[in-house]
Amino acid sequence: MASDLSLFGGTGSSTALTGQPLGRGVSKQVKKSTDLVVGRGAVAYTTDTVRAGLTYSALNNIGTLVGAAEQLMQVAPGGQAYYEACLNAYALGAANAIARFQ
């Protein structure tokens, strides 16, 4: 992936902004730096994707739990305060876990 990236020249070879070839040592440093940047980007992308998946899952779980609480309210309305406490605890715990995820 990073080897296909041409930062300064169109041929895939390492050249300075002036179009002059870079020395071997400089070329290696450029490749190493580029690989590090690409790696950090891949980690950031993966982290964001996983965090979005966790958020989606938590939202679905909260929706399911709210539905269950609504049904329970019809059967046992005296438990409303407990249902709300459980929902709040789950939602806050999930939100905190997602916020801490790195």
N, C-alpha and C. Protein backbone atom coordinates (compact mmCIF):
# COMPACT_ATOMS: atom_id res chain seq x y z
N MET A 1 0.82 -1.18 0.00
CA MET A 1 0.00 0.00 0.00
C MET A 1 0.87 1.25 0.00
N ALA A 2 1.73 1.39 0.99
CA ALA A 2 2.58 2.57 1.06
C ALA A 2 3.60 2.57 -0.07
N SER A 3 3.98 1.40 -0.57
CA SER A 3 4.96 1.35 -1.64
C SER A 3 4.39 1.86 -2.95
N ASP A 4 3.06 1.89 -3.09
CA ASP A 4 2.42 2.41 -4.29
C ASP A 4 2.28 3.92 -4.25
N LEU A 5 2.50 4.51 -3.11
CA LEU A 5 2.30 5.93 -2.92
C LEU A 5 3.51 6.69 -3.42
N SER A 6 3.29 7.65 -4.28
CA SER A 6 4.36 8.48 -4.78
C SER A 6 4.15 9.89 -4.26
N LEU A 7 4.96 10.31 -3.32
CA LEU A 7 4.77 11.61 -2.69
C LEU A 7 5.30 12.76 -3.51
N PHE A 8 6.44 12.58 -4.16
CA PHE A 8 7.09 13.70 -4.81
C PHE A 8 7.26 13.51 -6.31
N GLY A 9 7.18 12.32 -6.79
CA GLY A 9 7.39 12.08 -8.20
C GLY A 9 6.33 11.17 -8.75
N GLY A 10 6.17 11.15 -10.04
CA GLY A 10 5.14 10.34 -10.64
C GLY A 10 5.59 8.92 -10.95
N THR A 11 6.85 8.62 -10.74
CA THR A 11 7.36 7.32 -11.15
C THR A 11 7.46 6.32 -10.01
N GLY A 12 7.15 6.76 -8.81
CA GLY A 12 7.29 5.86 -7.67
C GLY A 12 8.67 5.94 -7.04
N SER A 13 9.61 6.68 -7.70
CA SER A 13 10.93 6.83 -7.11
C SER A 13 10.92 8.06 -6.21
N SER A 14 11.79 8.08 -5.23
CA SER A 14 11.85 9.19 -4.29
C SER A 14 12.65 10.33 -4.89
N THR A 15 11.99 11.47 -5.05
CA THR A 15 12.66 12.66 -5.55
C THR A 15 12.31 13.83 -4.66
N ALA A 16 13.16 14.81 -4.63
CA ALA A 16 12.89 16.03 -3.86
C ALA A 16 11.87 16.86 -4.61
N LEU A 17 11.39 17.90 -3.99
CA LEU A 17 10.41 18.78 -4.63
C LEU A 17 10.95 19.38 -5.92
N THR A 18 12.26 19.48 -6.03
CA THR A 18 12.88 20.03 -7.24
C THR A 18 12.94 19.01 -8.36
N GLY A 19 12.59 17.78 -8.08
CA GLY A 19 12.65 16.72 -9.08
C GLY A 19 13.96 15.97 -9.06
N GLN A 20 14.88 16.36 -8.22
CA GLN A 20 16.17 15.69 -8.12
C GLN A 20 16.03 14.44 -7.26
N PRO A 21 16.71 13.36 -7.62
CA PRO A 21 16.65 12.14 -6.80
C PRO A 21 17.19 12.40 -5.40
N LEU A 22 16.57 11.75 -4.43
CA LEU A 22 17.04 11.83 -3.05
C LEU A 22 18.14 10.80 -2.84
N GLY A 23 19.01 11.08 -1.89
CA GLY A 23 20.03 10.11 -1.53
C GLY A 23 19.39 8.87 -0.91
N ARG A 24 20.14 7.79 -0.89
CA ARG A 24 19.62 6.53 -0.38
C ARG A 24 19.15 6.64 1.08
N GLY A 25 19.95 7.30 1.93
CA GLY A 25 19.59 7.45 3.33
C GLY A 25 18.34 8.29 3.51
N VAL A 26 18.23 9.37 2.75
CA VAL A 26 17.06 10.23 2.83
C VAL A 26 15.83 9.49 2.33
N SER A 27 16.00 8.74 1.26
CA SER A 27 14.89 7.97 0.70
C SER A 27 14.35 6.97 1.71
N LYS A 28 15.25 6.31 2.44
CA LYS A 28 14.82 5.36 3.48
C LYS A 28 14.07 6.08 4.59
N GLN A 29 14.55 7.28 4.97
CA GLN A 29 13.88 8.04 6.02
C GLN A 29 12.48 8.47 5.57
N VAL A 30 12.37 8.87 4.31
CA VAL A 30 11.06 9.28 3.78
C VAL A 30 10.11 8.09 3.80
N LYS A 31 10.58 6.92 3.36
CA LYS A 31 9.73 5.74 3.35
C LYS A 31 9.32 5.35 4.77
N LYS A 32 10.26 5.40 5.71
CA LYS A 32 9.95 5.06 7.10
C LYS A 32 8.90 6.02 7.66
N SER A 33 9.09 7.32 7.42
CA SER A 33 8.13 8.31 7.90
C SER A 33 6.77 8.11 7.26
N THR A 34 6.76 7.83 5.97
CA THR A 34 5.50 7.60 5.26
C THR A 34 4.79 6.37 5.80
N ASP A 35 5.54 5.31 6.03
CA ASP A 35 4.95 4.08 6.58
C ASP A 35 4.35 4.34 7.96
N LEU A 36 5.02 5.15 8.77
CA LEU A 36 4.50 5.47 10.10
C LEU A 36 3.19 6.25 10.00
N VAL A 37 3.14 7.22 9.10
CA VAL A 37 1.92 8.02 8.92
C VAL A 37 0.78 7.15 8.43
N VAL A 38 1.06 6.30 7.45
CA VAL A 38 0.03 5.41 6.92
C VAL A 38 -0.44 4.45 8.02
N GLY A 39 0.47 3.95 8.82
CA GLY A 39 0.11 3.07 9.93
C GLY A 39 -0.77 3.76 10.95
N ARG A 40 -0.41 5.00 11.31
CA ARG A 40 -1.24 5.76 12.26
C ARG A 40 -2.63 6.01 11.68
N GLY A 41 -2.69 6.28 10.39
CA GLY A 41 -3.99 6.47 9.74
C GLY A 41 -4.84 5.21 9.78
N ALA A 42 -4.21 4.08 9.55
CA ALA A 42 -4.94 2.80 9.59
C ALA A 42 -5.46 2.51 10.99
N VAL A 43 -4.66 2.80 12.00
CA VAL A 43 -5.10 2.59 13.39
C VAL A 43 -6.25 3.53 13.72
N ALA A 44 -6.15 4.79 13.32
CA ALA A 44 -7.22 5.76 13.60
C ALA A 44 -8.52 5.35 12.90
N TYR A 45 -8.41 4.90 11.66
CA TYR A 45 -9.58 4.46 10.90
C TYR A 45 -10.24 3.25 11.57
N THR A 46 -9.44 2.28 11.96
CA THR A 46 -9.97 1.08 12.61
C THR A 46 -10.60 1.42 13.95
N THR A 47 -9.95 2.27 14.73
CA THR A 47 -10.50 2.68 16.02
C THR A 47 -11.85 3.35 15.84
N ASP A 48 -11.95 4.25 14.87
CA ASP A 48 -13.21 4.95 14.62
C ASP A 48 -14.30 3.98 14.17
N THR A 49 -13.95 3.03 13.32
CA THR A 49 -14.92 2.06 12.84
C THR A 49 -15.44 1.18 13.98
N VAL A 50 -14.55 0.74 14.84
CA VAL A 50 -14.95 -0.09 15.98
C VAL A 50 -15.81 0.72 16.95
N ARG A 51 -15.41 1.97 17.20
CA ARG A 51 -16.20 2.83 18.10
C ARG A 51 -17.61 3.04 17.54
N ALA A 52 -17.72 3.23 16.23
CA ALA A 52 -19.04 3.38 15.61
C ALA A 52 -19.86 2.09 15.77
N GLY A 53 -19.21 0.94 15.62
CA GLY A 53 -19.91 -0.33 15.81
C GLY A 53 -20.39 -0.51 17.24
N LEU A 54 -19.56 -0.13 18.20
CA LEU A 54 -19.97 -0.20 19.61
C LEU A 54 -21.16 0.73 19.88
N THR A 55 -21.12 1.91 19.29
CA THR A 55 -22.21 2.87 19.47
C THR A 55 -23.50 2.33 18.87
N TYR A 56 -23.41 1.79 17.67
CA TYR A 56 -24.59 1.21 17.01
C TYR A 56 -25.18 0.09 17.85
N SER A 57 -24.31 -0.77 18.37
CA SER A 57 -24.77 -1.88 19.20
C SER A 57 -25.42 -1.38 20.48
N ALA A 58 -24.81 -0.39 21.13
CA ALA A 58 -25.38 0.16 22.36
C ALA A 58 -26.74 0.79 22.09
N LEU A 59 -26.87 1.53 20.99
CA LEU A 59 -28.16 2.15 20.65
C LEU A 59 -29.23 1.09 20.43
N ASN A 60 -28.88 0.02 19.73
CA ASN A 60 -29.84 -1.07 19.52
C ASN A 60 -30.22 -1.73 20.84
N ASN A 61 -29.23 -1.95 21.70
CA ASN A 61 -29.50 -2.55 23.00
C ASN A 61 -30.41 -1.66 23.85
N ILE A 62 -30.14 -0.36 23.83
CA ILE A 62 -30.98 0.57 24.59
C ILE A 62 -32.41 0.54 24.07
N GLY A 63 -32.55 0.54 22.75
CA GLY A 63 -33.90 0.45 22.16
C GLY A 63 -34.63 -0.81 22.58
N THR A 64 -33.93 -1.92 22.58
CA THR A 64 -34.53 -3.19 23.00
C THR A 64 -34.92 -3.14 24.47
N LEU A 65 -34.05 -2.59 25.29
CA LEU A 65 -34.33 -2.49 26.72
C LEU A 65 -35.49 -1.54 27.01
N VAL A 66 -35.59 -0.45 26.27
CA VAL A 66 -36.72 0.47 26.44
C VAL A 66 -38.02 -0.24 26.09
N GLY A 67 -38.01 -1.00 25.00
CA GLY A 67 -39.20 -1.77 24.62
C GLY A 67 -39.60 -2.76 25.70
N ALA A 68 -38.62 -3.44 26.27
CA ALA A 68 -38.90 -4.39 27.35
C ALA A 68 -39.46 -3.67 28.56
N ALA A 69 -38.91 -2.51 28.88
CA ALA A 69 -39.40 -1.75 30.03
C ALA A 69 -40.83 -1.27 29.80
N GLU A 70 -41.14 -0.87 28.58
CA GLU A 70 -42.51 -0.45 28.27
C GLU A 70 -43.50 -1.60 28.44
N GLN A 71 -43.10 -2.79 28.01
CA GLN A 71 -43.97 -3.96 28.19
C GLN A 71 -44.12 -4.29 29.68
N LEU A 72 -43.04 -4.21 30.41
CA LEU A 72 -43.10 -4.49 31.85
C LEU A 72 -43.96 -3.47 32.59
N MET A 73 -43.98 -2.25 32.11
CA MET A 73 -44.82 -1.21 32.73
C MET A 73 -46.30 -1.59 32.67
N GLN A 74 -46.69 -2.29 31.61
CA GLN A 74 -48.09 -2.71 31.47
C GLN A 74 -48.41 -3.85 32.44
N VAL A 75 -47.43 -4.70 32.69
CA VAL A 75 -47.63 -5.85 33.56
C VAL A 75 -47.40 -5.49 35.03
N ALA A 76 -46.36 -4.75 35.29
CA ALA A 76 -45.98 -4.40 36.66
C ALA A 76 -45.58 -2.93 36.72
N PRO A 77 -46.55 -2.03 36.70
CA PRO A 77 -46.23 -0.60 36.69
C PRO A 77 -45.50 -0.12 37.94
N GLY A 78 -45.59 -0.84 39.01
CA GLY A 78 -44.89 -0.46 40.23
C GLY A 78 -43.38 -0.50 40.10
N GLY A 79 -42.88 -1.15 39.08
CA GLY A 79 -41.43 -1.25 38.88
C GLY A 79 -40.84 -0.12 38.05
N GLN A 80 -41.63 0.90 37.72
CA GLN A 80 -41.17 1.96 36.82
C GLN A 80 -39.85 2.59 37.27
N ALA A 81 -39.74 2.92 38.52
CA ALA A 81 -38.51 3.56 39.01
C ALA A 81 -37.30 2.64 38.82
N TYR A 82 -37.50 1.34 39.01
CA TYR A 82 -36.41 0.38 38.84
C TYR A 82 -36.05 0.21 37.37
N TYR A 83 -37.07 0.16 36.51
CA TYR A 83 -36.82 0.04 35.08
C TYR A 83 -36.00 1.23 34.59
N GLU A 84 -36.42 2.43 35.02
CA GLU A 84 -35.71 3.64 34.60
C GLU A 84 -34.29 3.66 35.15
N ALA A 85 -34.11 3.22 36.38
CA ALA A 85 -32.77 3.19 36.97
C ALA A 85 -31.86 2.23 36.21
N CYS A 86 -32.41 1.07 35.84
CA CYS A 86 -31.62 0.08 35.08
C CYS A 86 -31.27 0.62 33.70
N LEU A 87 -32.24 1.23 33.03
CA LEU A 87 -31.99 1.80 31.70
C LEU A 87 -30.93 2.90 31.77
N ASN A 88 -31.07 3.78 32.75
CA ASN A 88 -30.09 4.86 32.90
C ASN A 88 -28.70 4.31 33.19
N ALA A 89 -28.62 3.32 34.06
CA ALA A 89 -27.32 2.73 34.40
C ALA A 89 -26.68 2.10 33.16
N TYR A 90 -27.48 1.35 32.39
CA TYR A 90 -26.93 0.72 31.19
C TYR A 90 -26.48 1.78 30.19
N ALA A 91 -27.35 2.75 29.92
CA ALA A 91 -27.04 3.76 28.91
C ALA A 91 -25.81 4.58 29.30
N LEU A 92 -25.73 4.98 30.55
CA LEU A 92 -24.56 5.75 31.00
C LEU A 92 -23.29 4.90 30.97
N GLY A 93 -23.40 3.64 31.38
CA GLY A 93 -22.24 2.75 31.33
C GLY A 93 -21.76 2.52 29.91
N ALA A 94 -22.70 2.31 28.99
CA ALA A 94 -22.32 2.11 27.59
C ALA A 94 -21.69 3.38 27.02
N ALA A 95 -22.28 4.53 27.31
CA ALA A 95 -21.73 5.79 26.81
C ALA A 95 -20.32 6.03 27.35
N ASN A 96 -20.12 5.75 28.62
CA ASN A 96 -18.78 5.92 29.21
C ASN A 96 -17.77 4.95 28.60
N ALA A 97 -18.18 3.72 28.38
CA ALA A 97 -17.28 2.73 27.77
C ALA A 97 -16.89 3.14 26.36
N ILE A 98 -17.85 3.65 25.60
CA ILE A 98 -17.57 4.10 24.24
C ILE A 98 -16.64 5.31 24.27
N ALA A 99 -16.89 6.24 25.18
CA ALA A 99 -16.05 7.43 25.28
C ALA A 99 -14.61 7.08 25.66
N ARG A 100 -14.43 6.05 26.48
CA ARG A 100 -13.08 5.64 26.91
C ARG A 100 -12.36 4.80 25.87
N PHE A 101 -13.10 4.23 24.93
CA PHE A 101 -12.50 3.32 23.94
C PHE A 101 -11.48 4.08 23.10
N GLN A 102 -10.29 3.50 22.99
CA GLN A 102 -9.24 4.12 22.18
C GLN A 102 -8.69 3.12 21.23
